Amino acid sequence: MELLIYNQGNYSHAELKDKNLVFKETQDILDLMANAGYLGADRILLKIENLPEGFFNLKTGIAGEVLQKFSNYNQRLAIVGNFSEFKSKSLHDFIYESNKTGRVIFVSSKEKVFEFWQKG
């Protein structure tokens, strides 16, 4: 797993270089967090394609489990993609609430990630 590290103002973030890599288990996410932390990043940027299909079906519990890990380890995650393709009201409510707290954000572009992170 190769990460690109970017320094933006007062923080560093890691971006997964391989856009075709899909995390299948929670341990994969923990490994990503450990690698990013080792490289000095406290924030991680993933593309929607890097997440397992079940992530966006809240009944699987994958999204909640991943968000809990980022909270437990005091790291931030940005997920970049087009979320309008998902029709679930509960998912859109989940995204809205996540974006309010800021630990895990769901945005449409990398530029929006940087804007959000610059604010706080």
PDB file of N, CA and C in Angstrom:
ATOM      1  N   MET A   1       0.851  -1.165   0.000  1.00  0.00           N
ATOM      2  CA  MET A   1       0.000   0.000   0.000  1.00  0.00           C
ATOM      3  C   MET A   1       0.900   1.232   0.000  1.00  0.00           C
ATOM      4  N   GLU A   2       0.831   1.991  -1.063  1.00  0.00           N
ATOM      5  CA  GLU A   2       1.673   3.171  -1.187  1.00  0.00           C
ATOM      6  C   GLU A   2       0.845   4.424  -0.936  1.00  0.00           C
ATOM      7  N   LEU A   3       1.381   5.302  -0.086  1.00  0.00           N
ATOM      8  CA  LEU A   3       0.689   6.529   0.276  1.00  0.00           C
ATOM      9  C   LEU A   3       1.470   7.744  -0.199  1.00  0.00           C
ATOM     10  N   LEU A   4       0.742   8.733  -0.643  1.00  0.00           N
ATOM     11  CA  LEU A   4       1.327  10.031  -0.960  1.00  0.00           C
ATOM     12  C   LEU A   4       1.058  10.927   0.239  1.00  0.00           C
ATOM     13  N   ILE A   5       2.072  11.639   0.716  1.00  0.00           N
ATOM     14  CA  ILE A   5       1.921  12.514   1.869  1.00  0.00           C
ATOM     15  C   ILE A   5       1.959  13.967   1.399  1.00  0.00           C
ATOM     16  N   TYR A   6       0.978  14.738   1.846  1.00  0.00           N
ATOM     17  CA  TYR A   6       0.884  16.153   1.505  1.00  0.00           C
ATOM     18  C   TYR A   6       0.874  16.974   2.784  1.00  0.00           C
ATOM     19  N   ASN A   7       1.607  18.049   2.781  1.00  0.00           N
ATOM     20  CA  ASN A   7       1.580  18.997   3.891  1.00  0.00           C
ATOM     21  C   ASN A   7       0.723  20.182   3.470  1.00  0.00           C
ATOM     22  N   GLN A   8      -0.289  20.461   4.262  1.00  0.00           N
ATOM     23  CA  GLN A   8      -1.217  21.557   3.994  1.00  0.00           C
ATOM     24  C   GLN A   8      -1.306  22.401   5.264  1.00  0.00           C
ATOM     25  N   GLY A   9      -0.668  23.522   5.298  1.00  0.00           N
ATOM     26  CA  GLY A   9      -0.755  24.373   6.480  1.00  0.00           C
ATOM     27  C   GLY A   9      -0.206  23.660   7.706  1.00  0.00           C
ATOM     28  N   ASN A  10      -1.054  23.468   8.701  1.00  0.00           N
ATOM     29  CA  ASN A  10      -0.646  22.884   9.982  1.00  0.00           C
ATOM     30  C   ASN A  10      -0.847  21.381  10.072  1.00  0.00           C
ATOM     31  N   TYR A  11      -1.164  20.740   8.999  1.00  0.00           N
ATOM     32  CA  TYR A  11      -1.402  19.301   9.057  1.00  0.00           C
ATOM     33  C   TYR A  11      -0.820  18.603   7.841  1.00  0.00           C
ATOM     34  N   SER A  12      -0.720  17.276   7.970  1.00  0.00           N
ATOM     35  CA  SER A  12      -0.306  16.429   6.853  1.00  0.00           C
ATOM     36  C   SER A  12      -1.393  15.415   6.609  1.00  0.00           C
ATOM     37  N   HIS A  13      -1.612  15.117   5.353  1.00  0.00           N
ATOM     38  CA  HIS A  13      -2.573  14.055   5.063  1.00  0.00           C
ATOM     39  C   HIS A  13      -1.965  13.056   4.087  1.00  0.00           C
ATOM     40  N   ALA A  14      -2.480  11.854   4.206  1.00  0.00           N
ATOM     41  CA  ALA A  14      -2.035  10.755   3.347  1.00  0.00           C
ATOM     42  C   ALA A  14      -3.133  10.439   2.350  1.00  0.00           C
ATOM     43  N   GLU A  15      -2.724  10.197   1.130  1.00  0.00           N
ATOM     44  CA  GLU A  15      -3.669   9.802   0.087  1.00  0.00           C
ATOM     45  C   GLU A  15      -3.196   8.481  -0.495  1.00  0.00           C
ATOM     46  N   LEU A  16      -4.105   7.548  -0.613  1.00  0.00           N
ATOM     47  CA  LEU A  16      -3.788   6.252  -1.178  1.00  0.00           C
ATOM     48  C   LEU A  16      -3.451   6.429  -2.651  1.00  0.00           C
ATOM     49  N   LYS A  17      -2.281   5.952  -3.060  1.00  0.00           N
ATOM     50  CA  LYS A  17      -1.839   6.122  -4.445  1.00  0.00           C
ATOM     51  C   LYS A  17      -2.606   5.204  -5.403  1.00  0.00           C
ATOM     52  N   ASP A  18      -2.888   3.986  -4.970  1.00  0.00           N
ATOM     53  CA  ASP A  18      -3.554   2.996  -5.822  1.00  0.00           C
ATOM     54  C   ASP A  18      -5.067   3.170  -5.754  1.00  0.00           C
ATOM     55  N   LYS A  19      -5.645   3.759  -6.790  1.00  0.00           N
ATOM     56  CA  LYS A  19      -7.084   3.997  -6.784  1.00  0.00           C
ATOM     57  C   LYS A  19      -7.890   2.711  -6.971  1.00  0.00           C
ATOM     58  N   ASN A  20      -7.234   1.620  -7.338  1.00  0.00           N
ATOM     59  CA  ASN A  20      -7.937   0.353  -7.541  1.00  0.00           C
ATOM     60  C   ASN A  20      -7.937  -0.539  -6.302  1.00  0.00           C
ATOM     61  N   LEU A  21      -7.224  -0.128  -5.254  1.00  0.00           N
ATOM     62  CA  LEU A  21      -7.187  -0.912  -4.024  1.00  0.00           C
ATOM     63  C   LEU A  21      -8.491  -0.730  -3.265  1.00  0.00           C
ATOM     64  N   VAL A  22      -9.130  -1.836  -2.909  1.00  0.00           N
ATOM     65  CA  VAL A  22     -10.369  -1.792  -2.143  1.00  0.00           C
ATOM     66  C   VAL A  22     -10.114  -2.436  -0.788  1.00  0.00           C
ATOM     67  N   PHE A  23     -10.425  -1.694   0.267  1.00  0.00           N
ATOM     68  CA  PHE A  23     -10.279  -2.232   1.615  1.00  0.00           C
ATOM     69  C   PHE A  23     -11.427  -3.186   1.882  1.00  0.00           C
ATOM     70  N   LYS A  24     -11.095  -4.393   2.274  1.00  0.00           N
ATOM     71  CA  LYS A  24     -12.125  -5.408   2.456  1.00  0.00           C
ATOM     72  C   LYS A  24     -12.480  -5.636   3.920  1.00  0.00           C
ATOM     73  N   GLU A  25     -11.553  -5.342   4.813  1.00  0.00           N
ATOM     74  CA  GLU A  25     -11.771  -5.607   6.233  1.00  0.00           C
ATOM     75  C   GLU A  25     -11.364  -4.386   7.051  1.00  0.00           C
ATOM     76  N   THR A  26     -11.869  -4.336   8.263  1.00  0.00           N
ATOM     77  CA  THR A  26     -11.520  -3.243   9.161  1.00  0.00           C
ATOM     78  C   THR A  26     -10.022  -3.217   9.426  1.00  0.00           C
ATOM     79  N   GLN A  27      -9.392  -4.381   9.483  1.00  0.00           N
ATOM     80  CA  GLN A  27      -7.949  -4.434   9.720  1.00  0.00           C
ATOM     81  C   GLN A  27      -7.183  -3.709   8.617  1.00  0.00           C
ATOM     82  N   ASP A  28      -7.700  -3.751   7.390  1.00  0.00           N
ATOM     83  CA  ASP A  28      -7.063  -3.017   6.288  1.00  0.00           C
ATOM     84  C   ASP A  28      -7.043  -1.512   6.585  1.00  0.00           C
ATOM     85  N   ILE A  29      -8.136  -1.011   7.138  1.00  0.00           N
ATOM     86  CA  ILE A  29      -8.232   0.404   7.484  1.00  0.00           C
ATOM     87  C   ILE A  29      -7.262   0.726   8.625  1.00  0.00           C
ATOM     88  N   LEU A  30      -7.171  -0.174   9.609  1.00  0.00           N
ATOM     89  CA  LEU A  30      -6.232   0.035  10.710  1.00  0.00           C
ATOM     90  C   LEU A  30      -4.791   0.061  10.204  1.00  0.00           C
ATOM     91  N   ASP A  31      -4.479  -0.809   9.262  1.00  0.00           N
ATOM     92  CA  ASP A  31      -3.143  -0.814   8.658  1.00  0.00           C
ATOM     93  C   ASP A  31      -2.876   0.508   7.936  1.00  0.00           C
ATOM     94  N   LEU A  32      -3.869   0.998   7.226  1.00  0.00           N
ATOM     95  CA  LEU A  32      -3.748   2.281   6.538  1.00  0.00           C
ATOM     96  C   LEU A  32      -3.476   3.395   7.545  1.00  0.00           C
ATOM     97  N   MET A  33      -4.231   3.411   8.630  1.00  0.00           N
ATOM     98  CA  MET A  33      -4.050   4.435   9.657  1.00  0.00           C
ATOM     99  C   MET A  33      -2.646   4.363  10.263  1.00  0.00           C
ATOM    100  N   ALA A  34      -2.173   3.149  10.524  1.00  0.00           N
ATOM    101  CA  ALA A  34      -0.835   2.967  11.099  1.00  0.00           C
ATOM    102  C   ALA A  34       0.238   3.452  10.130  1.00  0.00           C
ATOM    103  N   ASN A  35       0.107   3.093   8.860  1.00  0.00           N
ATOM    104  CA  ASN A  35       1.083   3.528   7.857  1.00  0.00           C
ATOM    105  C   ASN A  35       1.090   5.050   7.721  1.00  0.00           C
ATOM    106  N   ALA A  36      -0.088   5.634   7.685  1.00  0.00           N
ATOM    107  CA  ALA A  36      -0.188   7.087   7.559  1.00  0.00           C
ATOM    108  C   ALA A  36       0.431   7.768   8.776  1.00  0.00           C
ATOM    109  N   GLY A  37       0.122   7.265   9.957  1.00  0.00           N
ATOM    110  CA  GLY A  37       0.682   7.829  11.179  1.00  0.00           C
ATOM    111  C   GLY A  37       2.195   7.717  11.216  1.00  0.00           C
ATOM    112  N   TYR A  38       2.709   6.584  10.789  1.00  0.00           N
ATOM    113  CA  TYR A  38       4.158   6.363  10.743  1.00  0.00           C
ATOM    114  C   TYR A  38       4.831   7.397   9.833  1.00  0.00           C
ATOM    115  N   LEU A  39       4.125   7.764   8.765  1.00  0.00           N
ATOM    116  CA  LEU A  39       4.663   8.737   7.815  1.00  0.00           C
ATOM    117  C   LEU A  39       4.379  10.180   8.228  1.00  0.00           C
ATOM    118  N   GLY A  40       3.758  10.362   9.394  1.00  0.00           N
ATOM    119  CA  GLY A  40       3.523  11.699   9.930  1.00  0.00           C
ATOM    120  C   GLY A  40       2.189  12.326   9.590  1.00  0.00           C
ATOM    121  N   ALA A  41       1.288  11.576   8.977  1.00  0.00           N
ATOM    122  CA  ALA A  41      -0.015  12.128   8.590  1.00  0.00           C
ATOM    123  C   ALA A  41      -1.063  11.809   9.656  1.00  0.00           C
ATOM    124  N   ASP A  42      -1.880  12.795   9.971  1.00  0.00           N
ATOM    125  CA  ASP A  42      -2.972  12.569  10.915  1.00  0.00           C
ATOM    126  C   ASP A  42      -4.332  12.631  10.231  1.00  0.00           C
ATOM    127  N   ARG A  43      -4.304  12.744   8.912  1.00  0.00           N
ATOM    128  CA  ARG A  43      -5.533  12.785   8.120  1.00  0.00           C
ATOM    129  C   ARG A  43      -5.337  11.909   6.881  1.00  0.00           C
ATOM    130  N   ILE A  44      -6.420  11.276   6.474  1.00  0.00           N
ATOM    131  CA  ILE A  44      -6.356  10.353   5.344  1.00  0.00           C
ATOM    132  C   ILE A  44      -7.442  10.709   4.347  1.00  0.00           C
ATOM    133  N   LEU A  45      -7.080  10.662   3.089  1.00  0.00           N
ATOM    134  CA  LEU A  45      -8.016  10.918   2.005  1.00  0.00           C
ATOM    135  C   LEU A  45      -8.169   9.636   1.190  1.00  0.00           C
ATOM    136  N   LEU A  46      -9.407   9.183   1.069  1.00  0.00           N
ATOM    137  CA  LEU A  46      -9.721   8.004   0.254  1.00  0.00           C
ATOM    138  C   LEU A  46     -10.754   8.372  -0.791  1.00  0.00           C
ATOM    139  N   LYS A  47     -10.722   7.666  -1.874  1.00  0.00           N
ATOM    140  CA  LYS A  47     -11.759   7.824  -2.892  1.00  0.00           C
ATOM    141  C   LYS A  47     -12.840   6.773  -2.654  1.00  0.00           C
ATOM    142  N   ILE A  48     -14.011   7.086  -3.077  1.00  0.00           N
ATOM    143  CA  ILE A  48     -15.160   6.210  -2.887  1.00  0.00           C
ATOM    144  C   ILE A  48     -14.866   4.794  -3.407  1.00  0.00           C
ATOM    145  N   GLU A  49     -14.039   4.710  -4.447  1.00  0.00           N
ATOM    146  CA  GLU A  49     -13.702   3.422  -5.057  1.00  0.00           C
ATOM    147  C   GLU A  49     -12.855   2.535  -4.140  1.00  0.00           C
ATOM    148  N   ASN A  50     -12.203   3.136  -3.138  1.00  0.00           N
ATOM    149  CA  ASN A  50     -11.354   2.370  -2.226  1.00  0.00           C
ATOM    150  C   ASN A  50     -12.145   1.646  -1.139  1.00  0.00           C
ATOM    151  N   LEU A  51     -13.408   1.966  -1.008  1.00  0.00           N
ATOM    152  CA  LEU A  51     -14.216   1.384   0.066  1.00  0.00           C
ATOM    153  C   LEU A  51     -15.034   0.209  -0.451  1.00  0.00           C
ATOM    154  N   PRO A  52     -15.253  -0.775   0.408  1.00  0.00           N
ATOM    155  CA  PRO A  52     -16.041  -1.931  -0.037  1.00  0.00           C
ATOM    156  C   PRO A  52     -17.477  -1.529  -0.322  1.00  0.00           C
ATOM    157  N   GLU A  53     -18.103  -2.261  -1.198  1.00  0.00           N
ATOM    158  CA  GLU A  53     -19.477  -1.961  -1.591  1.00  0.00           C
ATOM    159  C   GLU A  53     -20.399  -1.867  -0.376  1.00  0.00           C
ATOM    160  N   GLY A  54     -20.213  -2.731   0.581  1.00  0.00           N
ATOM    161  CA  GLY A  54     -21.061  -2.751   1.769  1.00  0.00           C
ATOM    162  C   GLY A  54     -20.922  -1.543   2.663  1.00  0.00           C
ATOM    163  N   PHE A  55     -19.880  -0.756   2.467  1.00  0.00           N
ATOM    164  CA  PHE A  55     -19.674   0.432   3.300  1.00  0.00           C
ATOM    165  C   PHE A  55     -20.882   1.355   3.241  1.00  0.00           C
ATOM    166  N   PHE A  56     -21.461   1.508   2.074  1.00  0.00           N
ATOM    167  CA  PHE A  56     -22.551   2.453   1.877  1.00  0.00           C
ATOM    168  C   PHE A  56     -23.931   1.858   2.141  1.00  0.00           C
ATOM    169  N   ASN A  57     -23.969   0.618   2.578  1.00  0.00           N
ATOM    170  CA  ASN A  57     -25.206   0.006   3.065  1.00  0.00           C
ATOM    171  C   ASN A  57     -25.080  -0.013   4.582  1.00  0.00           C
ATOM    172  N   LEU A  58     -25.738   0.921   5.244  1.00  0.00           N
ATOM    173  CA  LEU A  58     -25.544   1.105   6.682  1.00  0.00           C
ATOM    174  C   LEU A  58     -25.922  -0.139   7.489  1.00  0.00           C
ATOM    175  N   LYS A  59     -26.743  -0.999   6.928  1.00  0.00           N
ATOM    176  CA  LYS A  59     -27.140  -2.223   7.643  1.00  0.00           C
ATOM    177  C   LYS A  59     -25.958  -3.161   7.883  1.00  0.00           C
ATOM    178  N   THR A  60     -24.906  -3.044   7.069  1.00  0.00           N
ATOM    179  CA  THR A  60     -23.742  -3.919   7.249  1.00  0.00           C
ATOM    180  C   THR A  60     -22.922  -3.529   8.475  1.00  0.00           C
ATOM    181  N   GLY A  61     -23.005  -2.266   8.881  1.00  0.00           N
ATOM    182  CA  GLY A  61     -22.247  -1.786  10.034  1.00  0.00           C
ATOM    183  C   GLY A  61     -20.810  -1.412   9.719  1.00  0.00           C
ATOM    184  N   ILE A  62     -20.395  -1.584   8.473  1.00  0.00           N
ATOM    185  CA  ILE A  62     -19.000  -1.307   8.105  1.00  0.00           C
ATOM    186  C   ILE A  62     -18.674   0.170   8.292  1.00  0.00           C
ATOM    187  N   ALA A  63     -19.546   1.052   7.828  1.00  0.00           N
ATOM    188  CA  ALA A  63     -19.283   2.491   7.932  1.00  0.00           C
ATOM    189  C   ALA A  63     -19.150   2.915   9.391  1.00  0.00           C
ATOM    190  N   GLY A  64     -20.044   2.457  10.227  1.00  0.00           N
ATOM    191  CA  GLY A  64     -19.974   2.802  11.650  1.00  0.00           C
ATOM    192  C   GLY A  64     -18.711   2.295  12.303  1.00  0.00           C
ATOM    193  N   GLU A  65     -18.300   1.102  11.927  1.00  0.00           N
ATOM    194  CA  GLU A  65     -17.078   0.515  12.482  1.00  0.00           C
ATOM    195  C   GLU A  65     -15.850   1.322  12.065  1.00  0.00           C
ATOM    196  N   VAL A  66     -15.800   1.715  10.804  1.00  0.00           N
ATOM    197  CA  VAL A  66     -14.672   2.503  10.301  1.00  0.00           C
ATOM    198  C   VAL A  66     -14.641   3.865  10.993  1.00  0.00           C
ATOM    199  N   LEU A  67     -15.780   4.526  11.094  1.00  0.00           N
ATOM    200  CA  LEU A  67     -15.826   5.827  11.749  1.00  0.00           C
ATOM    201  C   LEU A  67     -15.397   5.724  13.204  1.00  0.00           C
ATOM    202  N   GLN A  68     -15.772   4.653  13.869  1.00  0.00           N
ATOM    203  CA  GLN A  68     -15.376   4.460  15.260  1.00  0.00           C
ATOM    204  C   GLN A  68     -13.862   4.339  15.392  1.00  0.00           C
ATOM    205  N   LYS A  69     -13.229   3.650  14.454  1.00  0.00           N
ATOM    206  CA  LYS A  69     -11.764   3.509  14.485  1.00  0.00           C
ATOM    207  C   LYS A  69     -11.087   4.871  14.346  1.00  0.00           C
ATOM    208  N   PHE A  70     -11.580   5.708  13.451  1.00  0.00           N
ATOM    209  CA  PHE A  70     -10.980   7.028  13.271  1.00  0.00           C
ATOM    210  C   PHE A  70     -11.180   7.882  14.518  1.00  0.00           C
ATOM    211  N   SER A  71     -12.302   7.721  15.171  1.00  0.00           N
ATOM    212  CA  SER A  71     -12.542   8.443  16.415  1.00  0.00           C
ATOM    213  C   SER A  71     -11.621   7.928  17.521  1.00  0.00           C
ATOM    214  N   ASN A  72     -11.521   6.606  17.656  1.00  0.00           N
ATOM    215  CA  ASN A  72     -10.680   6.008  18.701  1.00  0.00           C
ATOM    216  C   ASN A  72      -9.220   6.410  18.573  1.00  0.00           C
ATOM    217  N   TYR A  73      -8.732   6.507  17.350  1.00  0.00           N
ATOM    218  CA  TYR A  73      -7.317   6.789  17.115  1.00  0.00           C
ATOM    219  C   TYR A  73      -7.047   8.257  16.785  1.00  0.00           C
ATOM    220  N   ASN A  74      -8.067   9.091  16.966  1.00  0.00           N
ATOM    221  CA  ASN A  74      -7.935  10.539  16.805  1.00  0.00           C
ATOM    222  C   ASN A  74      -7.344  10.927  15.449  1.00  0.00           C
ATOM    223  N   GLN A  75      -7.864  10.314  14.404  1.00  0.00           N
ATOM    224  CA  GLN A  75      -7.459  10.664  13.044  1.00  0.00           C
ATOM    225  C   GLN A  75      -8.694  11.102  12.278  1.00  0.00           C
ATOM    226  N   ARG A  76      -8.457  11.767  11.179  1.00  0.00           N
ATOM    227  CA  ARG A  76      -9.559  12.240  10.333  1.00  0.00           C
ATOM    228  C   ARG A  76      -9.504  11.537   8.983  1.00  0.00           C
ATOM    229  N   LEU A  77     -10.676  11.396   8.414  1.00  0.00           N
ATOM    230  CA  LEU A  77     -10.811  10.729   7.121  1.00  0.00           C
ATOM    231  C   LEU A  77     -11.688  11.567   6.212  1.00  0.00           C
ATOM    232  N   ALA A  78     -11.258  11.725   4.985  1.00  0.00           N
ATOM    233  CA  ALA A  78     -12.086  12.346   3.953  1.00  0.00           C
ATOM    234  C   ALA A  78     -12.343  11.298   2.888  1.00  0.00           C
ATOM    235  N   ILE A  79     -13.605  11.148   2.534  1.00  0.00           N
ATOM    236  CA  ILE A  79     -13.995  10.235   1.465  1.00  0.00           C
ATOM    237  C   ILE A  79     -14.498  11.097   0.316  1.00  0.00           C
ATOM    238  N   VAL A  80     -13.859  10.943  -0.837  1.00  0.00           N
ATOM    239  CA  VAL A  80     -14.154  11.779  -1.992  1.00  0.00           C
ATOM    240  C   VAL A  80     -14.903  10.959  -3.031  1.00  0.00           C
ATOM    241  N   GLY A  81     -16.015  11.504  -3.499  1.00  0.00           N
ATOM    242  CA  GLY A  81     -16.771  10.819  -4.540  1.00  0.00           C
ATOM    243  C   GLY A  81     -18.126  11.446  -4.758  1.00  0.00           C
ATOM    244  N   ASN A  82     -18.894  10.806  -5.617  1.00  0.00           N
ATOM    245  CA  ASN A  82     -20.250  11.242  -5.923  1.00  0.00           C
ATOM    246  C   ASN A  82     -21.214  10.389  -5.105  1.00  0.00           C
ATOM    247  N   PHE A  83     -21.805  10.975  -4.097  1.00  0.00           N
ATOM    248  CA  PHE A  83     -22.688  10.233  -3.204  1.00  0.00           C
ATOM    249  C   PHE A  83     -24.150  10.324  -3.620  1.00  0.00           C
ATOM    250  N   SER A  84     -24.423  11.092  -4.653  1.00  0.00           N
ATOM    251  CA  SER A  84     -25.807  11.241  -5.102  1.00  0.00           C
ATOM    252  C   SER A  84     -26.347   9.954  -5.724  1.00  0.00           C
ATOM    253  N   GLU A  85     -25.444   9.056  -6.131  1.00  0.00           N
ATOM    254  CA  GLU A  85     -25.900   7.797  -6.725  1.00  0.00           C
ATOM    255  C   GLU A  85     -26.577   6.888  -5.695  1.00  0.00           C
ATOM    256  N   PHE A  86     -26.335   7.153  -4.416  1.00  0.00           N
ATOM    257  CA  PHE A  86     -26.956   6.372  -3.356  1.00  0.00           C
ATOM    258  C   PHE A  86     -28.284   7.016  -2.989  1.00  0.00           C
ATOM    259  N   LYS A  87     -29.329   6.236  -3.001  1.00  0.00           N
ATOM    260  CA  LYS A  87     -30.680   6.770  -2.799  1.00  0.00           C
ATOM    261  C   LYS A  87     -31.177   6.643  -1.364  1.00  0.00           C
ATOM    262  N   SER A  88     -30.405   6.044  -0.495  1.00  0.00           N
ATOM    263  CA  SER A  88     -30.818   5.811   0.889  1.00  0.00           C
ATOM    264  C   SER A  88     -30.860   7.112   1.686  1.00  0.00           C
ATOM    265  N   LYS A  89     -32.040   7.436   2.230  1.00  0.00           N
ATOM    266  CA  LYS A  89     -32.170   8.620   3.072  1.00  0.00           C
ATOM    267  C   LYS A  89     -31.316   8.480   4.322  1.00  0.00           C
ATOM    268  N   SER A  90     -31.282   7.293   4.903  1.00  0.00           N
ATOM    269  CA  SER A  90     -30.489   7.104   6.118  1.00  0.00           C
ATOM    270  C   SER A  90     -28.998   7.307   5.835  1.00  0.00           C
ATOM    271  N   LEU A  91     -28.525   6.902   4.660  1.00  0.00           N
ATOM    272  CA  LEU A  91     -27.127   7.135   4.303  1.00  0.00           C
ATOM    273  C   LEU A  91     -26.853   8.628   4.158  1.00  0.00           C
ATOM    274  N   HIS A  92     -27.744   9.344   3.504  1.00  0.00           N
ATOM    275  CA  HIS A  92     -27.549  10.782   3.331  1.00  0.00           C
ATOM    276  C   HIS A  92     -27.614  11.509   4.678  1.00  0.00           C
ATOM    277  N   ASP A  93     -28.460  11.037   5.577  1.00  0.00           N
ATOM    278  CA  ASP A  93     -28.498  11.598   6.936  1.00  0.00           C
ATOM    279  C   ASP A  93     -27.169  11.319   7.654  1.00  0.00           C
ATOM    280  N   PHE A  94     -26.663  10.114   7.484  1.00  0.00           N
ATOM    281  CA  PHE A  94     -25.383   9.705   8.079  1.00  0.00           C
ATOM    282  C   PHE A  94     -24.251  10.605   7.563  1.00  0.00           C
ATOM    283  N   ILE A  95     -24.227  10.842   6.260  1.00  0.00           N
ATOM    284  CA  ILE A  95     -23.214  11.698   5.647  1.00  0.00           C
ATOM    285  C   ILE A  95     -23.327  13.124   6.196  1.00  0.00           C
ATOM    286  N   TYR A  96     -24.542  13.622   6.294  1.00  0.00           N
ATOM    287  CA  TYR A  96     -24.773  14.969   6.814  1.00  0.00           C
ATOM    288  C   TYR A  96     -24.243  15.098   8.246  1.00  0.00           C
ATOM    289  N   GLU A  97     -24.577  14.144   9.092  1.00  0.00           N
ATOM    290  CA  GLU A  97     -24.137  14.183  10.493  1.00  0.00           C
ATOM    291  C   GLU A  97     -22.619  14.026  10.603  1.00  0.00           C
ATOM    292  N   SER A  98     -22.046  13.161   9.784  1.00  0.00           N
ATOM    293  CA  SER A  98     -20.589  12.987   9.796  1.00  0.00           C
ATOM    294  C   SER A  98     -19.890  14.281   9.413  1.00  0.00           C
ATOM    295  N   ASN A  99     -20.400  14.944   8.405  1.00  0.00           N
ATOM    296  CA  ASN A  99     -19.793  16.194   7.960  1.00  0.00           C
ATOM    297  C   ASN A  99     -19.908  17.287   9.025  1.00  0.00           C
ATOM    298  N   LYS A 100     -20.960  17.237   9.822  1.00  0.00           N
ATOM    299  CA  LYS A 100     -21.115  18.218  10.904  1.00  0.00           C
ATOM    300  C   LYS A 100     -20.049  18.030  11.976  1.00  0.00           C
ATOM    301  N   THR A 101     -19.744  16.777  12.324  1.00  0.00           N
ATOM    302  CA  THR A 101     -18.755  16.533  13.375  1.00  0.00           C
ATOM    303  C   THR A 101     -17.335  16.700  12.853  1.00  0.00           C
ATOM    304  N   GLY A 102     -17.099  16.389  11.577  1.00  0.00           N
ATOM    305  CA  GLY A 102     -15.811  16.642  10.956  1.00  0.00           C
ATOM    306  C   GLY A 102     -14.756  15.562  11.121  1.00  0.00           C
ATOM    307  N   ARG A 103     -15.013  14.524  11.893  1.00  0.00           N
ATOM    308  CA  ARG A 103     -14.023  13.446  12.051  1.00  0.00           C
ATOM    309  C   ARG A 103     -13.876  12.698  10.728  1.00  0.00           C
ATOM    310  N   VAL A 104     -15.004  12.350  10.127  1.00  0.00           N
ATOM    311  CA  VAL A 104     -15.034  11.730   8.807  1.00  0.00           C
ATOM    312  C   VAL A 104     -15.937  12.590   7.944  1.00  0.00           C
ATOM    313  N   ILE A 105     -15.405  13.035   6.810  1.00  0.00           N
ATOM    314  CA  ILE A 105     -16.197  13.877   5.924  1.00  0.00           C
ATOM    315  C   ILE A 105     -16.377  13.205   4.568  1.00  0.00           C
ATOM    316  N   PHE A 106     -17.471  13.509   3.949  1.00  0.00           N
ATOM    317  CA  PHE A 106     -17.814  13.001   2.628  1.00  0.00           C
ATOM    318  C   PHE A 106     -17.955  14.220   1.721  1.00  0.00           C
ATOM    319  N   VAL A 107     -17.080  14.317   0.721  1.00  0.00           N
ATOM    320  CA  VAL A 107     -17.069  15.482  -0.159  1.00  0.00           C
ATOM    321  C   VAL A 107     -16.926  15.051  -1.612  1.00  0.00           C
ATOM    322  N   SER A 108     -17.196  15.993  -2.505  1.00  0.00           N
ATOM    323  CA  SER A 108     -17.211  15.674  -3.930  1.00  0.00           C
ATOM    324  C   SER A 108     -15.859  15.827  -4.618  1.00  0.00           C
ATOM    325  N   SER A 109     -14.905  16.523  -3.985  1.00  0.00           N
ATOM    326  CA  SER A 109     -13.612  16.747  -4.651  1.00  0.00           C
ATOM    327  C   SER A 109     -12.504  16.934  -3.622  1.00  0.00           C
ATOM    328  N   LYS A 110     -11.269  16.752  -4.086  1.00  0.00           N
ATOM    329  CA  LYS A 110     -10.108  16.980  -3.218  1.00  0.00           C
ATOM    330  C   LYS A 110     -10.043  18.436  -2.773  1.00  0.00           C
ATOM    331  N   GLU A 111     -10.424  19.340  -3.644  1.00  0.00           N
ATOM    332  CA  GLU A 111     -10.403  20.758  -3.289  1.00  0.00           C
ATOM    333  C   GLU A 111     -11.323  21.038  -2.096  1.00  0.00           C
ATOM    334  N   LYS A 112     -12.461  20.382  -2.071  1.00  0.00           N
ATOM    335  CA  LYS A 112     -13.399  20.562  -0.950  1.00  0.00           C
ATOM    336  C   LYS A 112     -12.821  19.982   0.339  1.00  0.00           C
ATOM    337  N   VAL A 113     -12.044  18.911   0.220  1.00  0.00           N
ATOM    338  CA  VAL A 113     -11.378  18.351   1.402  1.00  0.00           C
ATOM    339  C   VAL A 113     -10.458  19.407   1.998  1.00  0.00           C
ATOM    340  N   PHE A 114      -9.628  20.010   1.159  1.00  0.00           N
ATOM    341  CA  PHE A 114      -8.664  20.998   1.638  1.00  0.00           C
ATOM    342  C   PHE A 114      -9.375  22.208   2.247  1.00  0.00           C
ATOM    343  N   GLU A 115     -10.463  22.653   1.622  1.00  0.00           N
ATOM    344  CA  GLU A 115     -11.241  23.764   2.170  1.00  0.00           C
ATOM    345  C   GLU A 115     -11.773  23.404   3.563  1.00  0.00           C
ATOM    346  N   PHE A 116     -12.333  22.228   3.690  1.00  0.00           N
ATOM    347  CA  PHE A 116     -12.921  21.789   4.955  1.00  0.00           C
ATOM    348  C   PHE A 116     -11.841  21.696   6.023  1.00  0.00           C
ATOM    349  N   TRP A 117     -10.718  21.081   5.693  1.00  0.00           N
ATOM    350  CA  TRP A 117      -9.650  20.880   6.673  1.00  0.00           C
ATOM    351  C   TRP A 117      -8.974  22.198   7.048  1.00  0.00           C
ATOM    352  N   GLN A 118      -8.940  23.150   6.149  1.00  0.00           N
ATOM    353  CA  GLN A 118      -8.346  24.457   6.479  1.00  0.00           C
ATOM    354  C   GLN A 118      -9.174  25.189   7.537  1.00  0.00           C
ATOM    355  N   LYS A 119     -10.479  24.918   7.547  1.00  0.00           N
ATOM    356  CA  LYS A 119     -11.369  25.577   8.522  1.00  0.00           C
ATOM    357  C   LYS A 119     -11.154  25.042   9.921  1.00  0.00           C
ATOM    358  N   GLY A 120     -10.738  23.801  10.051  1.00  0.00           N
ATOM    359  CA  GLY A 120     -10.639  23.239  11.393  1.00  0.00           C
ATOM    360  C   GLY A 120      -9.875  22.027  11.358  1.00  0.00           C
TER     361      GLY A 120
END
